[in-house]
Amino acid sequence: MDQRPLRAVCEERLGRLELPHRFGTQQLREAVAAMRGKPIILQPLDSNSAADTPCGIRVETPTVDYLFVEQGTSAAHQLHILAHEISHILCDHPGSLSLGDGAAAAIGLNPTLIQRMSGRTAYTTADEREAEYMATLIRQRVYRERLLPARRPAAADERWDAIFA
């Protein structure tokens, strides 16, 4: 399958964020939140509470986007989950997770506030594949930009930081 069209779309979306040469999770969240006009709040997720709970969940409400990230996995995996869930926001995916999927108990939010919800469980849908591709580009850029000269030098963190620090 030719990934060039998907890559071009994802690169364009990522470019709109105008992230600095070196950025961390805070800068990424702030850029996406500014684009959306509402904050992004990170929450730990205990996916051990139910077998069908995803390792990452995005919940959109009228006033805030919540990103739930599995707390019982490695830091590198948490960062990829975060990039994947932020990618759902960047791609404006409608969400396909239902509250009956074990997610309601895991997130503890009032179901009447939820507009859209996505969960990272598999890559069988086009939205999940696109979010995974976008997350991979984000992570590649984070590490590649540390090795190559800055295209747009700016002040930023020197590391891709921990999400629950």
N, C-alpha and C. Protein backbone atom coordinates (compact mmCIF):
# COMPACT_ATOMS: atom_id res chain seq x y z
N MET A 1 0.84 -1.18 0.00
CA MET A 1 0.00 0.00 0.00
C MET A 1 0.89 1.25 0.00
N ASP A 2 0.58 2.20 -0.84
CA ASP A 2 1.34 3.43 -0.96
C ASP A 2 0.96 4.38 0.19
N GLN A 3 1.92 4.68 1.07
CA GLN A 3 1.67 5.52 2.24
C GLN A 3 1.93 7.00 1.96
N ARG A 4 2.39 7.35 0.74
CA ARG A 4 2.75 8.75 0.47
C ARG A 4 1.59 9.72 0.66
N PRO A 5 0.38 9.43 0.17
CA PRO A 5 -0.72 10.40 0.39
C PRO A 5 -1.03 10.59 1.88
N LEU A 6 -1.06 9.49 2.64
CA LEU A 6 -1.32 9.59 4.08
C LEU A 6 -0.20 10.36 4.76
N ARG A 7 1.02 10.08 4.40
CA ARG A 7 2.15 10.79 5.00
C ARG A 7 2.06 12.29 4.72
N ALA A 8 1.72 12.65 3.48
CA ALA A 8 1.63 14.07 3.11
C ALA A 8 0.56 14.78 3.94
N VAL A 9 -0.59 14.15 4.11
CA VAL A 9 -1.67 14.74 4.91
C VAL A 9 -1.24 14.89 6.36
N CYS A 10 -0.62 13.84 6.90
CA CYS A 10 -0.18 13.88 8.30
C CYS A 10 0.92 14.92 8.51
N GLU A 11 1.87 15.00 7.59
CA GLU A 11 2.95 15.99 7.69
C GLU A 11 2.37 17.41 7.67
N GLU A 12 1.38 17.64 6.82
CA GLU A 12 0.76 18.97 6.72
C GLU A 12 0.06 19.33 8.03
N ARG A 13 -0.65 18.38 8.61
CA ARG A 13 -1.33 18.63 9.89
C ARG A 13 -0.32 18.94 10.98
N LEU A 14 0.74 18.18 11.02
CA LEU A 14 1.79 18.39 12.02
C LEU A 14 2.46 19.74 11.82
N GLY A 15 2.68 20.13 10.57
CA GLY A 15 3.30 21.41 10.27
C GLY A 15 2.47 22.60 10.73
N ARG A 16 1.14 22.46 10.71
CA ARG A 16 0.26 23.55 11.15
C ARG A 16 0.46 23.90 12.62
N LEU A 17 1.00 22.98 13.40
CA LEU A 17 1.20 23.23 14.83
C LEU A 17 2.37 24.17 15.09
N GLU A 18 3.27 24.31 14.12
CA GLU A 18 4.44 25.18 14.24
C GLU A 18 5.19 24.93 15.55
N LEU A 19 5.47 23.66 15.82
CA LEU A 19 6.20 23.28 17.03
C LEU A 19 7.66 23.72 16.92
N PRO A 20 8.28 24.02 18.05
CA PRO A 20 9.69 24.42 18.02
C PRO A 20 10.59 23.24 17.63
N HIS A 21 11.86 23.57 17.43
CA HIS A 21 12.85 22.55 17.04
C HIS A 21 12.84 21.37 18.01
N ARG A 22 12.92 21.66 19.28
CA ARG A 22 12.82 20.62 20.30
C ARG A 22 11.55 20.88 21.09
N PHE A 23 10.76 19.85 21.23
CA PHE A 23 9.53 20.02 21.99
C PHE A 23 9.26 18.79 22.83
N GLY A 24 8.47 19.00 23.87
CA GLY A 24 8.06 17.92 24.75
C GLY A 24 6.56 17.79 24.74
N THR A 25 6.08 16.95 25.61
CA THR A 25 4.63 16.70 25.66
C THR A 25 3.85 17.97 25.98
N GLN A 26 4.41 18.81 26.83
CA GLN A 26 3.71 20.05 27.19
C GLN A 26 3.51 20.94 25.98
N GLN A 27 4.57 21.14 25.17
CA GLN A 27 4.45 21.98 23.98
C GLN A 27 3.48 21.38 22.97
N LEU A 28 3.52 20.07 22.81
CA LEU A 28 2.59 19.40 21.90
C LEU A 28 1.15 19.61 22.36
N ARG A 29 0.91 19.37 23.63
CA ARG A 29 -0.45 19.57 24.17
C ARG A 29 -0.90 21.01 24.03
N GLU A 30 -0.01 21.96 24.34
CA GLU A 30 -0.38 23.38 24.25
C GLU A 30 -0.70 23.78 22.82
N ALA A 31 0.07 23.29 21.86
CA ALA A 31 -0.18 23.63 20.45
C ALA A 31 -1.52 23.08 19.97
N VAL A 32 -1.82 21.84 20.34
CA VAL A 32 -3.09 21.23 19.93
C VAL A 32 -4.25 21.89 20.66
N ALA A 33 -4.07 22.18 21.95
CA ALA A 33 -5.12 22.86 22.72
C ALA A 33 -5.42 24.24 22.14
N ALA A 34 -4.37 24.97 21.76
CA ALA A 34 -4.58 26.30 21.17
C ALA A 34 -5.34 26.19 19.85
N MET A 35 -4.99 25.19 19.06
CA MET A 35 -5.68 24.96 17.79
C MET A 35 -7.16 24.66 18.03
N ARG A 36 -7.46 23.89 19.08
CA ARG A 36 -8.83 23.48 19.39
C ARG A 36 -9.61 24.53 20.18
N GLY A 37 -8.90 25.40 20.87
CA GLY A 37 -9.57 26.39 21.70
C GLY A 37 -10.08 25.84 23.01
N LYS A 38 -9.50 24.74 23.48
CA LYS A 38 -9.86 24.18 24.78
C LYS A 38 -8.70 23.34 25.30
N PRO A 39 -8.59 23.22 26.63
CA PRO A 39 -7.45 22.51 27.20
C PRO A 39 -7.49 21.01 26.95
N ILE A 40 -6.31 20.41 27.05
CA ILE A 40 -6.17 18.96 27.01
C ILE A 40 -5.67 18.55 28.38
N ILE A 41 -6.41 17.70 29.04
CA ILE A 41 -6.05 17.23 30.37
C ILE A 41 -5.66 15.77 30.30
N LEU A 42 -4.45 15.46 30.81
CA LEU A 42 -3.98 14.08 30.85
C LEU A 42 -4.42 13.42 32.15
N GLN A 43 -4.85 12.18 32.03
CA GLN A 43 -5.26 11.40 33.18
C GLN A 43 -4.66 10.01 33.09
N PRO A 44 -4.20 9.46 34.22
CA PRO A 44 -3.73 8.07 34.19
C PRO A 44 -4.91 7.12 34.01
N LEU A 45 -4.66 6.02 33.36
CA LEU A 45 -5.69 5.02 33.09
C LEU A 45 -5.23 3.69 33.65
N ASP A 46 -6.07 3.07 34.45
CA ASP A 46 -5.78 1.74 34.98
C ASP A 46 -6.54 0.74 34.13
N SER A 47 -5.89 0.23 33.10
CA SER A 47 -6.58 -0.70 32.21
C SER A 47 -6.65 -2.10 32.78
N ASN A 48 -6.08 -2.31 33.96
CA ASN A 48 -6.21 -3.62 34.60
C ASN A 48 -7.60 -3.81 35.19
N SER A 49 -8.41 -2.75 35.24
CA SER A 49 -9.74 -2.84 35.84
C SER A 49 -10.71 -3.64 34.98
N ALA A 50 -10.48 -3.73 33.68
CA ALA A 50 -11.35 -4.50 32.80
C ALA A 50 -10.54 -4.98 31.61
N ALA A 51 -10.80 -6.18 31.18
CA ALA A 51 -10.03 -6.77 30.09
C ALA A 51 -10.20 -6.03 28.78
N ASP A 52 -11.36 -5.40 28.57
CA ASP A 52 -11.60 -4.74 27.29
C ASP A 52 -11.30 -3.24 27.31
N THR A 53 -10.61 -2.76 28.36
CA THR A 53 -10.26 -1.35 28.43
C THR A 53 -9.04 -1.08 27.56
N PRO A 54 -9.12 -0.08 26.70
CA PRO A 54 -7.97 0.26 25.85
C PRO A 54 -6.80 0.79 26.68
N CYS A 55 -5.62 0.86 26.07
CA CYS A 55 -4.46 1.42 26.78
C CYS A 55 -4.42 2.94 26.66
N GLY A 56 -5.26 3.52 25.83
CA GLY A 56 -5.38 4.96 25.70
C GLY A 56 -6.80 5.31 25.29
N ILE A 57 -7.32 6.39 25.86
CA ILE A 57 -8.68 6.83 25.54
C ILE A 57 -8.67 8.34 25.37
N ARG A 58 -9.33 8.81 24.31
CA ARG A 58 -9.55 10.24 24.11
C ARG A 58 -11.03 10.49 24.34
N VAL A 59 -11.33 11.46 25.20
CA VAL A 59 -12.71 11.83 25.47
C VAL A 59 -12.86 13.32 25.18
N GLU A 60 -13.79 13.66 24.31
CA GLU A 60 -14.06 15.06 23.96
C GLU A 60 -15.34 15.49 24.65
N THR A 61 -15.25 16.60 25.38
CA THR A 61 -16.44 17.23 25.96
C THR A 61 -16.53 18.64 25.37
N PRO A 62 -17.60 19.36 25.63
CA PRO A 62 -17.71 20.71 25.07
C PRO A 62 -16.61 21.66 25.50
N THR A 63 -16.02 21.44 26.67
CA THR A 63 -15.06 22.41 27.21
C THR A 63 -13.63 21.91 27.38
N VAL A 64 -13.41 20.61 27.24
CA VAL A 64 -12.07 20.05 27.47
C VAL A 64 -11.93 18.74 26.71
N ASP A 65 -10.69 18.44 26.32
CA ASP A 65 -10.35 17.12 25.78
C ASP A 65 -9.57 16.39 26.86
N TYR A 66 -10.00 15.18 27.20
CA TYR A 66 -9.28 14.35 28.16
C TYR A 66 -8.54 13.27 27.41
N LEU A 67 -7.29 13.04 27.80
CA LEU A 67 -6.51 11.94 27.26
C LEU A 67 -6.13 11.03 28.42
N PHE A 68 -6.63 9.82 28.39
CA PHE A 68 -6.33 8.82 29.41
C PHE A 68 -5.26 7.90 28.85
N VAL A 69 -4.16 7.74 29.62
CA VAL A 69 -3.02 6.96 29.16
C VAL A 69 -2.70 5.90 30.20
N GLU A 70 -2.52 4.67 29.73
CA GLU A 70 -2.22 3.53 30.59
C GLU A 70 -1.04 3.85 31.50
N GLN A 71 -1.25 3.70 32.79
CA GLN A 71 -0.18 3.99 33.74
C GLN A 71 0.69 2.78 34.03
N GLY A 72 0.24 1.59 33.69
CA GLY A 72 0.99 0.38 34.01
C GLY A 72 1.85 -0.12 32.86
N THR A 73 2.36 0.77 32.04
CA THR A 73 3.24 0.38 30.94
C THR A 73 4.49 1.25 30.96
N SER A 74 5.41 0.97 30.07
CA SER A 74 6.67 1.71 30.06
C SER A 74 6.46 3.18 29.69
N ALA A 75 7.42 4.01 30.06
CA ALA A 75 7.35 5.43 29.73
C ALA A 75 7.33 5.63 28.22
N ALA A 76 8.13 4.86 27.49
CA ALA A 76 8.15 4.98 26.03
C ALA A 76 6.79 4.64 25.43
N HIS A 77 6.15 3.61 25.96
CA HIS A 77 4.83 3.23 25.46
C HIS A 77 3.79 4.30 25.82
N GLN A 78 3.88 4.86 27.02
CA GLN A 78 2.97 5.93 27.41
C GLN A 78 3.08 7.11 26.45
N LEU A 79 4.30 7.47 26.08
CA LEU A 79 4.51 8.59 25.17
C LEU A 79 3.92 8.30 23.79
N HIS A 80 4.02 7.06 23.35
CA HIS A 80 3.44 6.72 22.05
C HIS A 80 1.91 6.73 22.13
N ILE A 81 1.37 6.23 23.22
CA ILE A 81 -0.09 6.27 23.41
C ILE A 81 -0.57 7.72 23.39
N LEU A 82 0.13 8.59 24.12
CA LEU A 82 -0.22 10.00 24.14
C LEU A 82 -0.20 10.59 22.74
N ALA A 83 0.86 10.32 21.99
CA ALA A 83 0.96 10.84 20.62
C ALA A 83 -0.18 10.29 19.76
N HIS A 84 -0.55 9.05 19.97
CA HIS A 84 -1.65 8.43 19.21
C HIS A 84 -2.99 9.13 19.53
N GLU A 85 -3.25 9.35 20.81
CA GLU A 85 -4.53 9.97 21.20
C GLU A 85 -4.58 11.43 20.75
N ILE A 86 -3.46 12.14 20.84
CA ILE A 86 -3.41 13.52 20.32
C ILE A 86 -3.63 13.50 18.81
N SER A 87 -3.15 12.47 18.15
CA SER A 87 -3.35 12.36 16.71
C SER A 87 -4.82 12.24 16.35
N HIS A 88 -5.61 11.56 17.18
CA HIS A 88 -7.06 11.51 16.94
C HIS A 88 -7.64 12.92 16.95
N ILE A 89 -7.15 13.76 17.86
CA ILE A 89 -7.62 15.14 17.93
C ILE A 89 -7.18 15.90 16.68
N LEU A 90 -5.90 15.78 16.32
CA LEU A 90 -5.38 16.48 15.14
C LEU A 90 -6.12 16.09 13.86
N CYS A 91 -6.49 14.82 13.77
CA CYS A 91 -7.18 14.32 12.57
C CYS A 91 -8.69 14.53 12.65
N ASP A 92 -9.17 15.04 13.78
CA ASP A 92 -10.60 15.29 14.00
C ASP A 92 -11.44 14.03 13.77
N HIS A 93 -10.95 12.91 14.31
CA HIS A 93 -11.68 11.66 14.18
C HIS A 93 -12.95 11.69 15.02
N PRO A 94 -14.03 11.13 14.51
CA PRO A 94 -15.31 11.19 15.21
C PRO A 94 -15.36 10.35 16.48
N GLY A 95 -14.53 9.36 16.62
CA GLY A 95 -14.56 8.49 17.79
C GLY A 95 -15.47 7.32 17.57
N SER A 96 -15.06 6.17 18.07
CA SER A 96 -15.84 4.97 17.84
C SER A 96 -15.99 4.10 19.08
N LEU A 97 -15.48 4.57 20.20
CA LEU A 97 -15.55 3.78 21.43
C LEU A 97 -16.87 4.05 22.13
N SER A 98 -17.51 2.99 22.59
CA SER A 98 -18.75 3.18 23.34
C SER A 98 -18.47 3.00 24.82
N LEU A 99 -19.30 3.58 25.65
CA LEU A 99 -19.10 3.49 27.09
C LEU A 99 -19.28 2.07 27.60
N GLY A 100 -19.97 1.22 26.86
CA GLY A 100 -20.15 -0.16 27.26
C GLY A 100 -18.90 -1.00 27.11
N ASP A 101 -17.85 -0.43 26.50
CA ASP A 101 -16.63 -1.18 26.25
C ASP A 101 -15.71 -1.24 27.47
N GLY A 102 -16.22 -1.04 28.66
CA GLY A 102 -15.39 -1.07 29.87
C GLY A 102 -14.75 0.27 30.15
N ALA A 103 -14.95 1.22 29.26
CA ALA A 103 -14.30 2.52 29.40
C ALA A 103 -14.96 3.38 30.46
N ALA A 104 -16.26 3.27 30.65
CA ALA A 104 -16.98 4.13 31.59
C ALA A 104 -16.40 4.02 33.00
N ALA A 105 -16.20 2.80 33.45
CA ALA A 105 -15.65 2.60 34.79
C ALA A 105 -14.21 3.09 34.87
N ALA A 106 -13.46 2.92 33.80
CA ALA A 106 -12.05 3.29 33.81
C ALA A 106 -11.83 4.79 33.84
N ILE A 107 -12.71 5.58 33.23
CA ILE A 107 -12.46 7.02 33.13
C ILE A 107 -13.19 7.84 34.18
N GLY A 108 -14.32 7.36 34.69
CA GLY A 108 -15.01 8.05 35.76
C GLY A 108 -15.57 9.41 35.39
N LEU A 109 -16.01 9.59 34.14
CA LEU A 109 -16.63 10.84 33.71
C LEU A 109 -18.13 10.65 33.54
N ASN A 110 -18.85 11.74 33.68
CA ASN A 110 -20.29 11.72 33.46
C ASN A 110 -20.56 11.47 31.97
N PRO A 111 -21.21 10.37 31.61
CA PRO A 111 -21.44 10.04 30.21
C PRO A 111 -22.21 11.10 29.42
N THR A 112 -23.02 11.91 30.09
CA THR A 112 -23.79 12.92 29.37
C THR A 112 -22.93 14.06 28.85
N LEU A 113 -21.70 14.21 29.37
CA LEU A 113 -20.79 15.27 28.91
C LEU A 113 -19.99 14.87 27.69
N ILE A 114 -19.92 13.58 27.42
CA ILE A 114 -19.04 13.08 26.37
C ILE A 114 -19.66 13.30 25.00
N GLN A 115 -18.91 13.98 24.12
CA GLN A 115 -19.34 14.18 22.75
C GLN A 115 -18.78 13.09 21.84
N ARG A 116 -17.47 12.84 21.97
CA ARG A 116 -16.82 11.81 21.16
C ARG A 116 -15.79 11.09 22.02
N MET A 117 -15.55 9.82 21.69
CA MET A 117 -14.60 9.05 22.47
C MET A 117 -13.93 8.03 21.55
N SER A 118 -12.61 7.94 21.67
CA SER A 118 -11.84 6.96 20.92
C SER A 118 -11.00 6.17 21.90
N GLY A 119 -10.75 4.92 21.59
CA GLY A 119 -9.90 4.09 22.42
C GLY A 119 -8.88 3.36 21.57
N ARG A 120 -7.68 3.28 22.09
CA ARG A 120 -6.59 2.63 21.35
C ARG A 120 -6.54 1.17 21.73
N THR A 121 -7.14 0.33 20.89
CA THR A 121 -7.15 -1.11 21.14
C THR A 121 -6.56 -1.89 19.97
N ALA A 122 -6.89 -1.51 18.75
CA ALA A 122 -6.42 -2.21 17.56
C ALA A 122 -6.36 -1.21 16.41
N TYR A 123 -5.84 -1.65 15.28
CA TYR A 123 -5.67 -0.76 14.15
C TYR A 123 -6.47 -1.25 12.95
N THR A 124 -7.70 -1.68 13.20
CA THR A 124 -8.52 -2.25 12.14
C THR A 124 -9.34 -1.22 11.40
N THR A 125 -9.45 0.00 11.91
CA THR A 125 -10.21 1.03 11.22
C THR A 125 -9.26 2.05 10.59
N ALA A 126 -9.76 2.75 9.60
CA ALA A 126 -8.95 3.77 8.93
C ALA A 126 -8.52 4.86 9.92
N ASP A 127 -9.42 5.25 10.83
CA ASP A 127 -9.09 6.28 11.82
C ASP A 127 -7.95 5.83 12.73
N GLU A 128 -7.99 4.58 13.17
CA GLU A 128 -6.93 4.07 14.05
C GLU A 128 -5.60 3.99 13.31
N ARG A 129 -5.63 3.56 12.06
CA ARG A 129 -4.39 3.50 11.28
C ARG A 129 -3.82 4.90 11.04
N GLU A 130 -4.71 5.87 10.75
CA GLU A 130 -4.24 7.23 10.52
C GLU A 130 -3.65 7.82 11.80
N ALA A 131 -4.31 7.60 12.94
CA ALA A 131 -3.80 8.11 14.21
C ALA A 131 -2.46 7.46 14.54
N GLU A 132 -2.32 6.19 14.25
CA GLU A 132 -1.05 5.51 14.52
C GLU A 132 0.06 6.05 13.62
N TYR A 133 -0.26 6.31 12.37
CA TYR A 133 0.72 6.86 11.45
C TYR A 133 1.15 8.26 11.91
N MET A 134 0.17 9.07 12.29
CA MET A 134 0.46 10.43 12.77
C MET A 134 1.31 10.36 14.04
N ALA A 135 0.99 9.46 14.96
CA ALA A 135 1.76 9.32 16.19
C ALA A 135 3.20 8.93 15.89
N THR A 136 3.38 8.06 14.91
CA THR A 136 4.73 7.65 14.52
C THR A 136 5.50 8.84 13.95
N LEU A 137 4.85 9.66 13.14
CA LEU A 137 5.51 10.86 12.60
C LEU A 137 5.90 11.83 13.72
N ILE A 138 5.01 12.00 14.69
CA ILE A 138 5.32 12.88 15.82
C ILE A 138 6.56 12.37 16.55
N ARG A 139 6.58 11.10 16.87
CA ARG A 139 7.72 10.53 17.59
C ARG A 139 8.98 10.57 16.75
N GLN A 140 8.89 10.32 15.44
CA GLN A 140 10.07 10.41 14.57
C GLN A 140 10.61 11.83 14.57
N ARG A 141 9.71 12.79 14.49
CA ARG A 141 10.16 14.18 14.47
C ARG A 141 10.84 14.57 15.77
N VAL A 142 10.29 14.09 16.87
CA VAL A 142 10.88 14.40 18.17
C VAL A 142 12.33 13.94 18.20
N TYR A 143 12.60 12.73 17.76
CA TYR A 143 13.95 12.20 17.83
C TYR A 143 14.82 12.65 16.67
N ARG A 144 14.29 12.74 15.46
CA ARG A 144 15.06 13.18 14.30
C ARG A 144 15.52 14.62 14.49
N GLU A 145 14.66 15.46 15.00
CA GLU A 145 14.99 16.87 15.18
C GLU A 145 16.12 17.07 16.18
N ARG A 146 16.39 16.09 16.99
CA ARG A 146 17.49 16.20 17.94
C ARG A 146 18.83 15.96 17.25
N LEU A 147 18.80 15.33 16.08
CA LEU A 147 20.03 14.99 15.38
C LEU A 147 20.35 15.96 14.24
N LEU A 148 19.35 16.58 13.67
CA LEU A 148 19.54 17.47 12.54
C LEU A 148 19.46 18.93 13.00
N PRO A 149 20.04 19.84 12.24
CA PRO A 149 19.94 21.27 12.60
C PRO A 149 18.49 21.74 12.59
N ALA A 150 18.20 22.70 13.40
CA ALA A 150 16.84 23.23 13.50
C ALA A 150 16.45 23.93 12.21
N ARG A 151 15.21 23.69 11.77
CA ARG A 151 14.66 24.45 10.64
C ARG A 151 14.14 25.79 11.13
N ARG A 152 13.56 25.80 12.32
CA ARG A 152 13.06 27.03 12.93
C ARG A 152 13.48 27.01 14.40
N PRO A 153 14.71 27.41 14.70
CA PRO A 153 15.16 27.36 16.09
C PRO A 153 14.26 28.20 17.00
N ALA A 154 13.99 27.67 18.15
CA ALA A 154 13.18 28.37 19.14
C ALA A 154 13.45 27.76 20.50
N ALA A 155 13.16 28.47 21.54
CA ALA A 155 13.34 27.94 22.89
C ALA A 155 12.34 26.83 23.13
N ALA A 156 12.81 25.75 23.73
CA ALA A 156 11.93 24.63 24.06
C ALA A 156 12.67 23.69 24.99
N ASP A 157 11.94 22.74 25.52
CA ASP A 157 12.56 21.73 26.36
C ASP A 157 13.58 20.93 25.57
N GLU A 158 14.56 20.39 26.26
CA GLU A 158 15.60 19.61 25.62
C GLU A 158 15.24 18.13 25.57
N ARG A 159 14.11 17.75 26.09
CA ARG A 159 13.78 16.33 26.12
C ARG A 159 12.30 16.11 25.85
N TRP A 160 11.99 14.92 25.41
CA TRP A 160 10.59 14.48 25.23
C TRP A 160 10.20 13.96 26.59
N ASP A 161 9.54 14.79 27.37
CA ASP A 161 9.39 14.56 28.80
C ASP A 161 8.35 13.51 29.17
N ALA A 162 8.41 13.09 30.44
CA ALA A 162 7.44 12.16 30.97
C ALA A 162 6.08 12.83 31.05
N ILE A 163 5.03 12.07 30.85
CA ILE A 163 3.71 12.71 30.78
C ILE A 163 3.05 12.90 32.14
N PHE A 164 3.43 12.11 33.12
CA PHE A 164 2.82 12.27 34.44
C PHE A 164 3.86 12.72 35.46
N ALA A 165 4.74 13.64 35.05
CA ALA A 165 5.81 14.11 35.95
C ALA A 165 5.28 15.12 36.92
